[in-house]
Amino acid sequence: MKVVYVFVSNMASTYKLATMILPQLEQNIHGAEVVGMMFFDDNIFCLRRGDPVGERLAKVAAQKGILLMVCDQCALRRHLAEGDFTQCGLGQVRPKGLVEGVVAGCFPQFYAAAAGDPPAYVITL
């Protein structure tokens, strides 16, 4: 079963991802094939370069082919992307200061990335 996680709730990335999902992915016991993760609001902070959770996640994502995407507007508001708000949703905003492999985008880019290998479930945390 293929799943996508969308991190929107307060502390979803620092609690649910960091203490449950990520350790299970590292141990190959998660039980579902994760094909993507989308981060909104302050959840993107765990993806800053040097953050232990983000660095571990980047390694697992590279090994397993997991898409890591931050909301382009959220990243711009937190100075973790280059571009301007007129570029949001167009795939033109570029992440900065984030772990290797993270891309910035909005729903159009997320849907396009998932379309080739669609998940069975989208789980919002």
PDB file of N, CA and C in Angstrom:
ATOM      1  N   MET A   1       0.842  -1.164   0.000  1.00  0.00           N
ATOM      2  CA  MET A   1       0.000   0.000   0.000  1.00  0.00           C
ATOM      3  C   MET A   1       0.895   1.237   0.000  1.00  0.00           C
ATOM      4  N   LYS A   2       0.621   2.157  -0.919  1.00  0.00           N
ATOM      5  CA  LYS A   2       1.389   3.398  -1.023  1.00  0.00           C
ATOM      6  C   LYS A   2       0.644   4.523  -0.324  1.00  0.00           C
ATOM      7  N   VAL A   3       1.399   5.315   0.455  1.00  0.00           N
ATOM      8  CA  VAL A   3       0.805   6.431   1.191  1.00  0.00           C
ATOM      9  C   VAL A   3       1.615   7.702   0.990  1.00  0.00           C
ATOM     10  N   VAL A   4       0.926   8.817   1.181  1.00  0.00           N
ATOM     11  CA  VAL A   4       1.538  10.142   1.217  1.00  0.00           C
ATOM     12  C   VAL A   4       1.151  10.754   2.553  1.00  0.00           C
ATOM     13  N   TYR A   5       2.092  11.401   3.198  1.00  0.00           N
ATOM     14  CA  TYR A   5       1.810  12.108   4.438  1.00  0.00           C
ATOM     15  C   TYR A   5       1.820  13.611   4.184  1.00  0.00           C
ATOM     16  N   VAL A   6       0.850  14.299   4.755  1.00  0.00           N
ATOM     17  CA  VAL A   6       0.772  15.749   4.693  1.00  0.00           C
ATOM     18  C   VAL A   6       0.824  16.248   6.133  1.00  0.00           C
ATOM     19  N   PHE A   7       1.864  17.002   6.454  1.00  0.00           N
ATOM     20  CA  PHE A   7       2.082  17.476   7.817  1.00  0.00           C
ATOM     21  C   PHE A   7       1.557  18.901   7.961  1.00  0.00           C
ATOM     22  N   VAL A   8       0.417  19.038   8.652  1.00  0.00           N
ATOM     23  CA  VAL A   8      -0.210  20.344   8.817  1.00  0.00           C
ATOM     24  C   VAL A   8      -0.453  20.711  10.278  1.00  0.00           C
ATOM     25  N   SER A   9      -0.638  19.748  11.131  1.00  0.00           N
ATOM     26  CA  SER A   9      -0.947  20.017  12.539  1.00  0.00           C
ATOM     27  C   SER A   9       0.282  20.490  13.291  1.00  0.00           C
ATOM     28  N   ASN A  10       0.042  21.252  14.325  1.00  0.00           N
ATOM     29  CA  ASN A  10       1.113  21.716  15.188  1.00  0.00           C
ATOM     30  C   ASN A  10       1.924  20.531  15.709  1.00  0.00           C
ATOM     31  N   MET A  11       3.199  20.555  15.519  1.00  0.00           N
ATOM     32  CA  MET A  11       4.151  19.543  15.990  1.00  0.00           C
ATOM     33  C   MET A  11       4.028  18.188  15.284  1.00  0.00           C
ATOM     34  N   ALA A  12       3.344  18.124  14.167  1.00  0.00           N
ATOM     35  CA  ALA A  12       3.209  16.847  13.460  1.00  0.00           C
ATOM     36  C   ALA A  12       4.565  16.300  13.039  1.00  0.00           C
ATOM     37  N   SER A  13       5.464  17.170  12.604  1.00  0.00           N
ATOM     38  CA  SER A  13       6.771  16.687  12.159  1.00  0.00           C
ATOM     39  C   SER A  13       7.710  16.388  13.321  1.00  0.00           C
ATOM     40  N   THR A  14       7.591  17.124  14.420  1.00  0.00           N
ATOM     41  CA  THR A  14       8.498  16.895  15.538  1.00  0.00           C
ATOM     42  C   THR A  14       8.027  15.778  16.459  1.00  0.00           C
ATOM     43  N   TYR A  15       6.773  15.430  16.353  1.00  0.00           N
ATOM     44  CA  TYR A  15       6.261  14.348  17.195  1.00  0.00           C
ATOM     45  C   TYR A  15       5.948  13.105  16.359  1.00  0.00           C
ATOM     46  N   LYS A  16       4.946  13.189  15.513  1.00  0.00           N
ATOM     47  CA  LYS A  16       4.512  12.001  14.760  1.00  0.00           C
ATOM     48  C   LYS A  16       5.574  11.511  13.783  1.00  0.00           C
ATOM     49  N   LEU A  17       6.184  12.431  13.046  1.00  0.00           N
ATOM     50  CA  LEU A  17       7.226  12.034  12.101  1.00  0.00           C
ATOM     51  C   LEU A  17       8.485  11.587  12.836  1.00  0.00           C
ATOM     52  N   ALA A  18       8.981  12.432  13.720  1.00  0.00           N
ATOM     53  CA  ALA A  18      10.279  12.185  14.351  1.00  0.00           C
ATOM     54  C   ALA A  18      10.299  10.982  15.288  1.00  0.00           C
ATOM     55  N   THR A  19       9.190  10.736  15.980  1.00  0.00           N
ATOM     56  CA  THR A  19       9.216   9.667  16.982  1.00  0.00           C
ATOM     57  C   THR A  19       8.487   8.393  16.571  1.00  0.00           C
ATOM     58  N   MET A  20       7.697   8.468  15.495  1.00  0.00           N
ATOM     59  CA  MET A  20       6.969   7.265  15.071  1.00  0.00           C
ATOM     60  C   MET A  20       7.327   6.862  13.641  1.00  0.00           C
ATOM     61  N   ILE A  21       6.989   7.703  12.679  1.00  0.00           N
ATOM     62  CA  ILE A  21       7.143   7.334  11.269  1.00  0.00           C
ATOM     63  C   ILE A  21       8.599   7.148  10.883  1.00  0.00           C
ATOM     64  N   LEU A  22       9.447   8.119  11.175  1.00  0.00           N
ATOM     65  CA  LEU A  22      10.850   8.044  10.762  1.00  0.00           C
ATOM     66  C   LEU A  22      11.583   6.835  11.349  1.00  0.00           C
ATOM     67  N   PRO A  23      11.484   6.567  12.643  1.00  0.00           N
ATOM     68  CA  PRO A  23      12.156   5.369  13.162  1.00  0.00           C
ATOM     69  C   PRO A  23      11.664   4.081  12.495  1.00  0.00           C
ATOM     70  N   GLN A  24      10.370   4.024  12.196  1.00  0.00           N
ATOM     71  CA  GLN A  24       9.834   2.832  11.524  1.00  0.00           C
ATOM     72  C   GLN A  24      10.380   2.714  10.105  1.00  0.00           C
ATOM     73  N   LEU A  25      10.494   3.830   9.408  1.00  0.00           N
ATOM     74  CA  LEU A  25      11.068   3.794   8.058  1.00  0.00           C
ATOM     75  C   LEU A  25      12.531   3.359   8.099  1.00  0.00           C
ATOM     76  N   GLU A  26      13.257   3.871   9.081  1.00  0.00           N
ATOM     77  CA  GLU A  26      14.673   3.501   9.211  1.00  0.00           C
ATOM     78  C   GLU A  26      14.850   2.017   9.506  1.00  0.00           C
ATOM     79  N   GLN A  27      13.908   1.443  10.223  1.00  0.00           N
ATOM     80  CA  GLN A  27      13.987   0.016  10.583  1.00  0.00           C
ATOM     81  C   GLN A  27      13.259  -0.884   9.584  1.00  0.00           C
ATOM     82  N   ASN A  28      12.697  -0.282   8.534  1.00  0.00           N
ATOM     83  CA  ASN A  28      11.936  -1.042   7.527  1.00  0.00           C
ATOM     84  C   ASN A  28      10.765  -1.813   8.124  1.00  0.00           C
ATOM     85  N   ILE A  29      10.080  -1.199   9.082  1.00  0.00           N
ATOM     86  CA  ILE A  29       8.928  -1.863   9.712  1.00  0.00           C
ATOM     87  C   ILE A  29       7.665  -0.995   9.640  1.00  0.00           C
ATOM     88  N   HIS A  30       7.659   0.021   8.803  1.00  0.00           N
ATOM     89  CA  HIS A  30       6.540   0.972   8.772  1.00  0.00           C
ATOM     90  C   HIS A  30       5.236   0.321   8.316  1.00  0.00           C
ATOM     91  N   GLY A  31       5.306  -0.613   7.407  1.00  0.00           N
ATOM     92  CA  GLY A  31       4.107  -1.327   6.987  1.00  0.00           C
ATOM     93  C   GLY A  31       3.436  -0.775   5.749  1.00  0.00           C
ATOM     94  N   ALA A  32       3.818   0.402   5.308  1.00  0.00           N
ATOM     95  CA  ALA A  32       3.292   0.990   4.075  1.00  0.00           C
ATOM     96  C   ALA A  32       4.466   1.585   3.312  1.00  0.00           C
ATOM     97  N   GLU A  33       4.317   1.660   2.021  1.00  0.00           N
ATOM     98  CA  GLU A  33       5.344   2.296   1.191  1.00  0.00           C
ATOM     99  C   GLU A  33       5.029   3.786   1.116  1.00  0.00           C
ATOM    100  N   VAL A  34       5.894   4.598   1.700  1.00  0.00           N
ATOM    101  CA  VAL A  34       5.700   6.042   1.693  1.00  0.00           C
ATOM    102  C   VAL A  34       6.296   6.588   0.396  1.00  0.00           C
ATOM    103  N   VAL A  35       5.462   7.253  -0.412  1.00  0.00           N
ATOM    104  CA  VAL A  35       5.945   7.785  -1.685  1.00  0.00           C
ATOM    105  C   VAL A  35       6.116   9.294  -1.656  1.00  0.00           C
ATOM    106  N   GLY A  36       5.574   9.960  -0.632  1.00  0.00           N
ATOM    107  CA  GLY A  36       5.729  11.402  -0.555  1.00  0.00           C
ATOM    108  C   GLY A  36       5.353  11.957   0.793  1.00  0.00           C
ATOM    109  N   MET A  37       5.925  13.150   1.064  1.00  0.00           N
ATOM    110  CA  MET A  37       5.604  13.894   2.276  1.00  0.00           C
ATOM    111  C   MET A  37       5.548  15.364   1.904  1.00  0.00           C
ATOM    112  N   MET A  38       4.489  16.031   2.353  1.00  0.00           N
ATOM    113  CA  MET A  38       4.307  17.457   2.111  1.00  0.00           C
ATOM    114  C   MET A  38       4.244  18.158   3.460  1.00  0.00           C
ATOM    115  N   PHE A  39       5.029  19.225   3.602  1.00  0.00           N
ATOM    116  CA  PHE A  39       5.167  19.930   4.878  1.00  0.00           C
ATOM    117  C   PHE A  39       4.614  21.345   4.780  1.00  0.00           C
ATOM    118  N   PHE A  40       3.757  21.706   5.740  1.00  0.00           N
ATOM    119  CA  PHE A  40       3.167  23.032   5.806  1.00  0.00           C
ATOM    120  C   PHE A  40       3.527  23.706   7.116  1.00  0.00           C
ATOM    121  N   ASP A  41       3.422  25.029   7.109  1.00  0.00           N
ATOM    122  CA  ASP A  41       3.590  25.871   8.286  1.00  0.00           C
ATOM    123  C   ASP A  41       4.923  25.568   8.988  1.00  0.00           C
ATOM    124  N   ASP A  42       4.942  25.544  10.312  1.00  0.00           N
ATOM    125  CA  ASP A  42       6.194  25.359  11.036  1.00  0.00           C
ATOM    126  C   ASP A  42       6.746  23.941  10.948  1.00  0.00           C
ATOM    127  N   ASN A  43       5.987  23.021  10.389  1.00  0.00           N
ATOM    128  CA  ASN A  43       6.499  21.659  10.207  1.00  0.00           C
ATOM    129  C   ASN A  43       7.712  21.622   9.292  1.00  0.00           C
ATOM    130  N   ILE A  44       7.888  22.644   8.474  1.00  0.00           N
ATOM    131  CA  ILE A  44       9.044  22.643   7.569  1.00  0.00           C
ATOM    132  C   ILE A  44      10.356  22.861   8.309  1.00  0.00           C
ATOM    133  N   PHE A  45      10.309  23.385   9.522  1.00  0.00           N
ATOM    134  CA  PHE A  45      11.554  23.652  10.256  1.00  0.00           C
ATOM    135  C   PHE A  45      12.377  22.392  10.509  1.00  0.00           C
ATOM    136  N   CYS A  46      11.749  21.238  10.597  1.00  0.00           N
ATOM    137  CA  CYS A  46      12.522  20.013  10.817  1.00  0.00           C
ATOM    138  C   CYS A  46      13.382  19.666   9.613  1.00  0.00           C
ATOM    139  N   LEU A  47      13.135  20.307   8.476  1.00  0.00           N
ATOM    140  CA  LEU A  47      13.897  20.021   7.259  1.00  0.00           C
ATOM    141  C   LEU A  47      15.080  20.964   7.057  1.00  0.00           C
ATOM    142  N   ARG A  48      15.344  21.827   8.031  1.00  0.00           N
ATOM    143  CA  ARG A  48      16.507  22.720   7.909  1.00  0.00           C
ATOM    144  C   ARG A  48      17.792  21.910   7.919  1.00  0.00           C
ATOM    145  N   ARG A  49      18.710  22.322   7.068  1.00  0.00           N
ATOM    146  CA  ARG A  49      20.016  21.674   7.007  1.00  0.00           C
ATOM    147  C   ARG A  49      20.631  21.661   8.406  1.00  0.00           C
ATOM    148  N   GLY A  50      21.122  20.495   8.812  1.00  0.00           N
ATOM    149  CA  GLY A  50      21.726  20.334  10.126  1.00  0.00           C
ATOM    150  C   GLY A  50      20.772  19.823  11.191  1.00  0.00           C
ATOM    151  N   ASP A  51      19.479  19.900  10.939  1.00  0.00           N
ATOM    152  CA  ASP A  51      18.508  19.378  11.904  1.00  0.00           C
ATOM    153  C   ASP A  51      18.606  17.850  11.906  1.00  0.00           C
ATOM    154  N   PRO A  52      18.764  17.230  13.063  1.00  0.00           N
ATOM    155  CA  PRO A  52      18.926  15.773  13.102  1.00  0.00           C
ATOM    156  C   PRO A  52      17.768  15.008  12.457  1.00  0.00           C
ATOM    157  N   VAL A  53      16.541  15.437  12.685  1.00  0.00           N
ATOM    158  CA  VAL A  53      15.387  14.757  12.086  1.00  0.00           C
ATOM    159  C   VAL A  53      15.425  14.918  10.571  1.00  0.00           C
ATOM    160  N   GLY A  54      15.646  16.130  10.110  1.00  0.00           N
ATOM    161  CA  GLY A  54      15.699  16.382   8.677  1.00  0.00           C
ATOM    162  C   GLY A  54      16.806  15.625   7.974  1.00  0.00           C
ATOM    163  N   GLU A  55      17.971  15.567   8.588  1.00  0.00           N
ATOM    164  CA  GLU A  55      19.087  14.849   7.978  1.00  0.00           C
ATOM    165  C   GLU A  55      18.796  13.356   7.890  1.00  0.00           C
ATOM    166  N   ARG A  56      18.214  12.808   8.947  1.00  0.00           N
ATOM    167  CA  ARG A  56      17.835  11.381   8.920  1.00  0.00           C
ATOM    168  C   ARG A  56      16.771  11.131   7.859  1.00  0.00           C
ATOM    169  N   LEU A  57      15.783  12.017   7.791  1.00  0.00           N
ATOM    170  CA  LEU A  57      14.711  11.863   6.819  1.00  0.00           C
ATOM    171  C   LEU A  57      15.241  11.974   5.392  1.00  0.00           C
ATOM    172  N   ALA A  58      16.138  12.910   5.147  1.00  0.00           N
ATOM    173  CA  ALA A  58      16.707  13.072   3.806  1.00  0.00           C
ATOM    174  C   ALA A  58      17.420  11.797   3.368  1.00  0.00           C
ATOM    175  N   LYS A  59      18.124  11.163   4.293  1.00  0.00           N
ATOM    176  CA  LYS A  59      18.829   9.920   3.980  1.00  0.00           C
ATOM    177  C   LYS A  59      17.842   8.809   3.624  1.00  0.00           C
ATOM    178  N   VAL A  60      16.805   8.650   4.434  1.00  0.00           N
ATOM    179  CA  VAL A  60      15.789   7.621   4.182  1.00  0.00           C
ATOM    180  C   VAL A  60      15.058   7.914   2.874  1.00  0.00           C
ATOM    181  N   ALA A  61      14.721   9.182   2.648  1.00  0.00           N
ATOM    182  CA  ALA A  61      13.987   9.558   1.433  1.00  0.00           C
ATOM    183  C   ALA A  61      14.813   9.251   0.189  1.00  0.00           C
ATOM    184  N   ALA A  62      16.096   9.517   0.247  1.00  0.00           N
ATOM    185  CA  ALA A  62      16.959   9.223  -0.904  1.00  0.00           C
ATOM    186  C   ALA A  62      17.027   7.716  -1.157  1.00  0.00           C
ATOM    187  N   GLN A  63      17.127   6.936  -0.112  1.00  0.00           N
ATOM    188  CA  GLN A  63      17.201   5.479  -0.246  1.00  0.00           C
ATOM    189  C   GLN A  63      15.907   4.880  -0.770  1.00  0.00           C
ATOM    190  N   LYS A  64      14.775   5.433  -0.349  1.00  0.00           N
ATOM    191  CA  LYS A  64      13.478   4.837  -0.665  1.00  0.00           C
ATOM    192  C   LYS A  64      12.717   5.576  -1.766  1.00  0.00           C
ATOM    193  N   GLY A  65      13.289   6.644  -2.290  1.00  0.00           N
ATOM    194  CA  GLY A  65      12.616   7.394  -3.348  1.00  0.00           C
ATOM    195  C   GLY A  65      11.379   8.150  -2.883  1.00  0.00           C
ATOM    196  N   ILE A  66      11.439   8.715  -1.689  1.00  0.00           N
ATOM    197  CA  ILE A  66      10.309   9.455  -1.123  1.00  0.00           C
ATOM    198  C   ILE A  66      10.426  10.931  -1.505  1.00  0.00           C
ATOM    199  N   LEU A  67       9.363  11.478  -2.062  1.00  0.00           N
ATOM    200  CA  LEU A  67       9.308  12.902  -2.374  1.00  0.00           C
ATOM    201  C   LEU A  67       9.173  13.695  -1.077  1.00  0.00           C
ATOM    202  N   LEU A  68      10.036  14.686  -0.894  1.00  0.00           N
ATOM    203  CA  LEU A  68       9.935  15.611   0.238  1.00  0.00           C
ATOM    204  C   LEU A  68       9.664  16.994  -0.328  1.00  0.00           C
ATOM    205  N   MET A  69       8.482  17.543  -0.041  1.00  0.00           N
ATOM    206  CA  MET A  69       8.110  18.851  -0.576  1.00  0.00           C
ATOM    207  C   MET A  69       7.649  19.759   0.550  1.00  0.00           C
ATOM    208  N   VAL A  70       8.116  21.005   0.489  1.00  0.00           N
ATOM    209  CA  VAL A  70       7.631  22.030   1.415  1.00  0.00           C
ATOM    210  C   VAL A  70       6.710  22.966   0.656  1.00  0.00           C
ATOM    211  N   CYS A  71       5.707  23.442   1.337  1.00  0.00           N
ATOM    212  CA  CYS A  71       4.817  24.449   0.764  1.00  0.00           C
ATOM    213  C   CYS A  71       5.665  25.664   0.397  1.00  0.00           C
ATOM    214  N   ASP A  72       5.593  26.078  -0.861  1.00  0.00           N
ATOM    215  CA  ASP A  72       6.429  27.189  -1.308  1.00  0.00           C
ATOM    216  C   ASP A  72       6.143  28.476  -0.552  1.00  0.00           C
ATOM    217  N   GLN A  73       4.880  28.763  -0.296  1.00  0.00           N
ATOM    218  CA  GLN A  73       4.523  29.982   0.429  1.00  0.00           C
ATOM    219  C   GLN A  73       4.979  29.919   1.889  1.00  0.00           C
ATOM    220  N   CYS A  74       4.824  28.752   2.505  1.00  0.00           N
ATOM    221  CA  CYS A  74       5.270  28.571   3.891  1.00  0.00           C
ATOM    222  C   CYS A  74       6.780  28.763   3.990  1.00  0.00           C
ATOM    223  N   ALA A  75       7.506  28.219   3.025  1.00  0.00           N
ATOM    224  CA  ALA A  75       8.962  28.334   3.024  1.00  0.00           C
ATOM    225  C   ALA A  75       9.402  29.779   2.807  1.00  0.00           C
ATOM    226  N   LEU A  76       8.752  30.486   1.894  1.00  0.00           N
ATOM    227  CA  LEU A  76       9.089  31.893   1.679  1.00  0.00           C
ATOM    228  C   LEU A  76       8.855  32.700   2.942  1.00  0.00           C
ATOM    229  N   ARG A  77       7.737  32.469   3.620  1.00  0.00           N
ATOM    230  CA  ARG A  77       7.414  33.218   4.846  1.00  0.00           C
ATOM    231  C   ARG A  77       8.430  32.965   5.962  1.00  0.00           C
ATOM    232  N   ARG A  78       9.100  31.826   5.912  1.00  0.00           N
ATOM    233  CA  ARG A  78      10.071  31.466   6.951  1.00  0.00           C
ATOM    234  C   ARG A  78      11.512  31.640   6.476  1.00  0.00           C
ATOM    235  N   HIS A  79      11.687  32.302   5.354  1.00  0.00           N
ATOM    236  CA  HIS A  79      13.013  32.579   4.782  1.00  0.00           C
ATOM    237  C   HIS A  79      13.783  31.297   4.480  1.00  0.00           C
ATOM    238  N   LEU A  80      13.057  30.265   4.072  1.00  0.00           N
ATOM    239  CA  LEU A  80      13.670  28.989   3.720  1.00  0.00           C
ATOM    240  C   LEU A  80      13.481  28.677   2.240  1.00  0.00           C
ATOM    241  N   ALA A  81      13.278  29.741   1.457  1.00  0.00           N
ATOM    242  CA  ALA A  81      13.131  29.584   0.011  1.00  0.00           C
ATOM    243  C   ALA A  81      13.504  30.892  -0.665  1.00  0.00           C
ATOM    244  N   GLU A  82      13.802  30.777  -1.950  1.00  0.00           N
ATOM    245  CA  GLU A  82      14.099  31.951  -2.771  1.00  0.00           C
ATOM    246  C   GLU A  82      13.007  32.098  -3.812  1.00  0.00           C
ATOM    247  N   GLY A  83      12.587  33.324  -4.008  1.00  0.00           N
ATOM    248  CA  GLY A  83      11.531  33.639  -4.953  1.00  0.00           C
ATOM    249  C   GLY A  83      10.617  34.665  -4.335  1.00  0.00           C
ATOM    250  N   ASP A  84       9.443  34.819  -4.923  1.00  0.00           N
ATOM    251  CA  ASP A  84       8.462  35.720  -4.337  1.00  0.00           C
ATOM    252  C   ASP A  84       7.080  35.087  -4.434  1.00  0.00           C
ATOM    253  N   PHE A  85       6.139  35.697  -3.772  1.00  0.00           N
ATOM    254  CA  PHE A  85       4.814  35.094  -3.648  1.00  0.00           C
ATOM    255  C   PHE A  85       4.078  34.963  -4.976  1.00  0.00           C
ATOM    256  N   THR A  86       4.451  35.765  -5.971  1.00  0.00           N
ATOM    257  CA  THR A  86       3.804  35.628  -7.281  1.00  0.00           C
ATOM    258  C   THR A  86       4.194  34.326  -7.970  1.00  0.00           C
ATOM    259  N   GLN A  87       5.256  33.688  -7.508  1.00  0.00           N
ATOM    260  CA  GLN A  87       5.726  32.434  -8.095  1.00  0.00           C
ATOM    261  C   GLN A  87       5.126  31.196  -7.418  1.00  0.00           C
ATOM    262  N   CYS A  88       4.415  31.415  -6.331  1.00  0.00           N
ATOM    263  CA  CYS A  88       3.838  30.284  -5.599  1.00  0.00           C
ATOM    264  C   CYS A  88       2.822  29.548  -6.471  1.00  0.00           C
ATOM    265  N   GLY A  89       2.898  28.230  -6.412  1.00  0.00           N
ATOM    266  CA  GLY A  89       2.004  27.398  -7.195  1.00  0.00           C
ATOM    267  C   GLY A  89       2.456  27.158  -8.618  1.00  0.00           C
ATOM    268  N   LEU A  90       3.545  27.802  -9.019  1.00  0.00           N
ATOM    269  CA  LEU A  90       4.045  27.672 -10.393  1.00  0.00           C
ATOM    270  C   LEU A  90       5.279  26.779 -10.490  1.00  0.00           C
ATOM    271  N   GLY A  91       5.802  26.345  -9.357  1.00  0.00           N
ATOM    272  CA  GLY A  91       7.005  25.514  -9.373  1.00  0.00           C
ATOM    273  C   GLY A  91       8.283  26.308  -9.557  1.00  0.00           C
ATOM    274  N   GLN A  92       8.226  27.604  -9.293  1.00  0.00           N
ATOM    275  CA  GLN A  92       9.391  28.462  -9.515  1.00  0.00           C
ATOM    276  C   GLN A  92      10.127  28.841  -8.235  1.00  0.00           C
ATOM    277  N   VAL A  93       9.544  28.583  -7.082  1.00  0.00           N
ATOM    278  CA  VAL A  93      10.188  28.884  -5.803  1.00  0.00           C
ATOM    279  C   VAL A  93      11.201  27.788  -5.523  1.00  0.00           C
ATOM    280  N   ARG A  94      12.385  28.167  -5.066  1.00  0.00           N
ATOM    281  CA  ARG A  94      13.460  27.214  -4.781  1.00  0.00           C
ATOM    282  C   ARG A  94      13.780  27.211  -3.289  1.00  0.00           C
ATOM    283  N   PRO A  95      13.867  26.019  -2.698  1.00  0.00           N
ATOM    284  CA  PRO A  95      14.194  25.949  -1.269  1.00  0.00           C
ATOM    285  C   PRO A  95      15.631  26.393  -1.018  1.00  0.00           C
ATOM    286  N   LYS A  96      15.875  26.908   0.174  1.00  0.00           N
ATOM    287  CA  LYS A  96      17.251  27.245   0.565  1.00  0.00           C
ATOM    288  C   LYS A  96      17.429  26.896   2.034  1.00  0.00           C
ATOM    289  N   GLY A  97      18.603  26.407   2.360  1.00  0.00           N
ATOM    290  CA  GLY A  97      18.901  26.072   3.746  1.00  0.00           C
ATOM    291  C   GLY A  97      18.221  24.813   4.241  1.00  0.00           C
ATOM    292  N   LEU A  98      17.695  24.018   3.321  1.00  0.00           N
ATOM    293  CA  LEU A  98      17.007  22.787   3.716  1.00  0.00           C
ATOM    294  C   LEU A  98      17.856  21.573   3.352  1.00  0.00           C
ATOM    295  N   VAL A  99      17.526  20.439   3.916  1.00  0.00           N
ATOM    296  CA  VAL A  99      18.283  19.216   3.675  1.00  0.00           C
ATOM    297  C   VAL A  99      18.222  18.832   2.195  1.00  0.00           C
ATOM    298  N   GLU A 100      19.148  18.013   1.796  1.00  0.00           N
ATOM    299  CA  GLU A 100      19.261  17.559   0.417  1.00  0.00           C
ATOM    300  C   GLU A 100      17.989  16.858  -0.046  1.00  0.00           C
ATOM    301  N   GLY A 101      17.555  17.192  -1.245  1.00  0.00           N
ATOM    302  CA  GLY A 101      16.438  16.503  -1.866  1.00  0.00           C
ATOM    303  C   GLY A 101      15.074  17.130  -1.679  1.00  0.00           C
ATOM    304  N   VAL A 102      14.966  18.156  -0.833  1.00  0.00           N
ATOM    305  CA  VAL A 102      13.678  18.810  -0.603  1.00  0.00           C
ATOM    306  C   VAL A 102      13.380  19.756  -1.771  1.00  0.00           C
ATOM    307  N   VAL A 103      12.135  19.731  -2.225  1.00  0.00           N
ATOM    308  CA  VAL A 103      11.687  20.659  -3.255  1.00  0.00           C
ATOM    309  C   VAL A 103      10.584  21.536  -2.670  1.00  0.00           C
ATOM    310  N   ALA A 104      10.389  22.694  -3.271  1.00  0.00           N
ATOM    311  CA  ALA A 104       9.319  23.599  -2.848  1.00  0.00           C
ATOM    312  C   ALA A 104       8.240  23.592  -3.919  1.00  0.00           C
ATOM    313  N   GLY A 105       6.999  23.658  -3.483  1.00  0.00           N
ATOM    314  CA  GLY A 105       5.902  23.692  -4.441  1.00  0.00           C
ATOM    315  C   GLY A 105       4.580  23.862  -3.740  1.00  0.00           C
ATOM    316  N   CYS A 106       3.545  23.697  -4.529  1.00  0.00           N
ATOM    317  CA  CYS A 106       2.188  23.794  -4.011  1.00  0.00           C
ATOM    318  C   CYS A 106       1.414  22.601  -4.557  1.00  0.00           C
ATOM    319  N   PHE A 107       0.133  22.617  -4.394  1.00  0.00           N
ATOM    320  CA  PHE A 107      -0.669  21.462  -4.789  1.00  0.00           C
ATOM    321  C   PHE A 107      -0.463  21.046  -6.245  1.00  0.00           C
ATOM    322  N   PRO A 108      -0.365  21.969  -7.208  1.00  0.00           N
ATOM    323  CA  PRO A 108      -0.157  21.515  -8.586  1.00  0.00           C
ATOM    324  C   PRO A 108       1.121  20.681  -8.746  1.00  0.00           C
ATOM    325  N   GLN A 109       2.199  21.100  -8.102  1.00  0.00           N
ATOM    326  CA  GLN A 109       3.447  20.358  -8.201  1.00  0.00           C
ATOM    327  C   GLN A 109       3.371  19.036  -7.440  1.00  0.00           C
ATOM    328  N   PHE A 110       2.679  19.055  -6.306  1.00  0.00           N
ATOM    329  CA  PHE A 110       2.546  17.838  -5.517  1.00  0.00           C
ATOM    330  C   PHE A 110       1.726  16.797  -6.269  1.00  0.00           C
ATOM    331  N   TYR A 111       0.618  17.226  -6.862  1.00  0.00           N
ATOM    332  CA  TYR A 111      -0.217  16.293  -7.629  1.00  0.00           C
ATOM    333  C   TYR A 111       0.547  15.743  -8.824  1.00  0.00           C
ATOM    334  N   ALA A 112       1.276  16.611  -9.516  1.00  0.00           N
ATOM    335  CA  ALA A 112       2.038  16.166 -10.688  1.00  0.00           C
ATOM    336  C   ALA A 112       3.099  15.149 -10.294  1.00  0.00           C
ATOM    337  N   ALA A 113       3.762  15.375  -9.175  1.00  0.00           N
ATOM    338  CA  ALA A 113       4.804  14.453  -8.723  1.00  0.00           C
ATOM    339  C   ALA A 113       4.219  13.105  -8.330  1.00  0.00           C
ATOM    340  N   ALA A 114       3.030  13.103  -7.765  1.00  0.00           N
ATOM    341  CA  ALA A 114       2.406  11.858  -7.312  1.00  0.00           C
ATOM    342  C   ALA A 114       1.655  11.130  -8.423  1.00  0.00           C
ATOM    343  N   ALA A 115       1.369  11.798  -9.515  1.00  0.00           N
ATOM    344  CA  ALA A 115       0.527  11.228 -10.570  1.00  0.00           C
ATOM    345  C   ALA A 115       1.146  10.001 -11.233  1.00  0.00           C
ATOM    346  N   GLY A 116       2.458   9.974 -11.362  1.00  0.00           N
ATOM    347  CA  GLY A 116       3.106   8.854 -12.034  1.00  0.00           C
ATOM    348  C   GLY A 116       3.044   7.561 -11.249  1.00  0.00           C
ATOM    349  N   ASP A 117       2.947   7.669  -9.946  1.00  0.00           N
ATOM    350  CA  ASP A 117       2.907   6.503  -9.069  1.00  0.00           C
ATOM    351  C   ASP A 117       1.966   6.841  -7.912  1.00  0.00           C
ATOM    352  N   PRO A 118       0.665   6.928  -8.178  1.00  0.00           N
ATOM    353  CA  PRO A 118      -0.260   7.464  -7.186  1.00  0.00           C
ATOM    354  C   PRO A 118      -0.372   6.623  -5.920  1.00  0.00           C
ATOM    355  N   PRO A 119      -0.511   7.314  -4.787  1.00  0.00           N
ATOM    356  CA  PRO A 119      -0.695   6.597  -3.521  1.00  0.00           C
ATOM    357  C   PRO A 119      -2.123   6.081  -3.382  1.00  0.00           C
ATOM    358  N   ALA A 120      -2.287   5.085  -2.537  1.00  0.00           N
ATOM    359  CA  ALA A 120      -3.625   4.593  -2.213  1.00  0.00           C
ATOM    360  C   ALA A 120      -4.289   5.501  -1.188  1.00  0.00           C
ATOM    361  N   TYR A 121      -3.479   6.126  -0.329  1.00  0.00           N
ATOM    362  CA  TYR A 121      -4.005   6.955   0.743  1.00  0.00           C
ATOM    363  C   TYR A 121      -3.176   8.224   0.906  1.00  0.00           C
ATOM    364  N   VAL A 122      -3.854   9.315   1.227  1.00  0.00           N
ATOM    365  CA  VAL A 122      -3.208  10.553   1.642  1.00  0.00           C
ATOM    366  C   VAL A 122      -3.584  10.751   3.102  1.00  0.00           C
ATOM    367  N   ILE A 123      -2.583  10.779   3.952  1.00  0.00           N
ATOM    368  CA  ILE A 123      -2.822  10.860   5.393  1.00  0.00           C
ATOM    369  C   ILE A 123      -2.379  12.234   5.876  1.00  0.00           C
ATOM    370  N   THR A 124      -3.313  12.962   6.451  1.00  0.00           N
ATOM    371  CA  THR A 124      -3.014  14.292   6.964  1.00  0.00           C
ATOM    372  C   THR A 124      -2.788  14.209   8.466  1.00  0.00           C
ATOM    373  N   LEU A 125      -1.650  14.691   8.886  1.00  0.00           N
ATOM    374  CA  LEU A 125      -1.282  14.665  10.300  1.00  0.00           C
ATOM    375  C   LEU A 125      -1.123  16.089  10.814  1.00  0.00           C
TER     376      LEU A 125
END
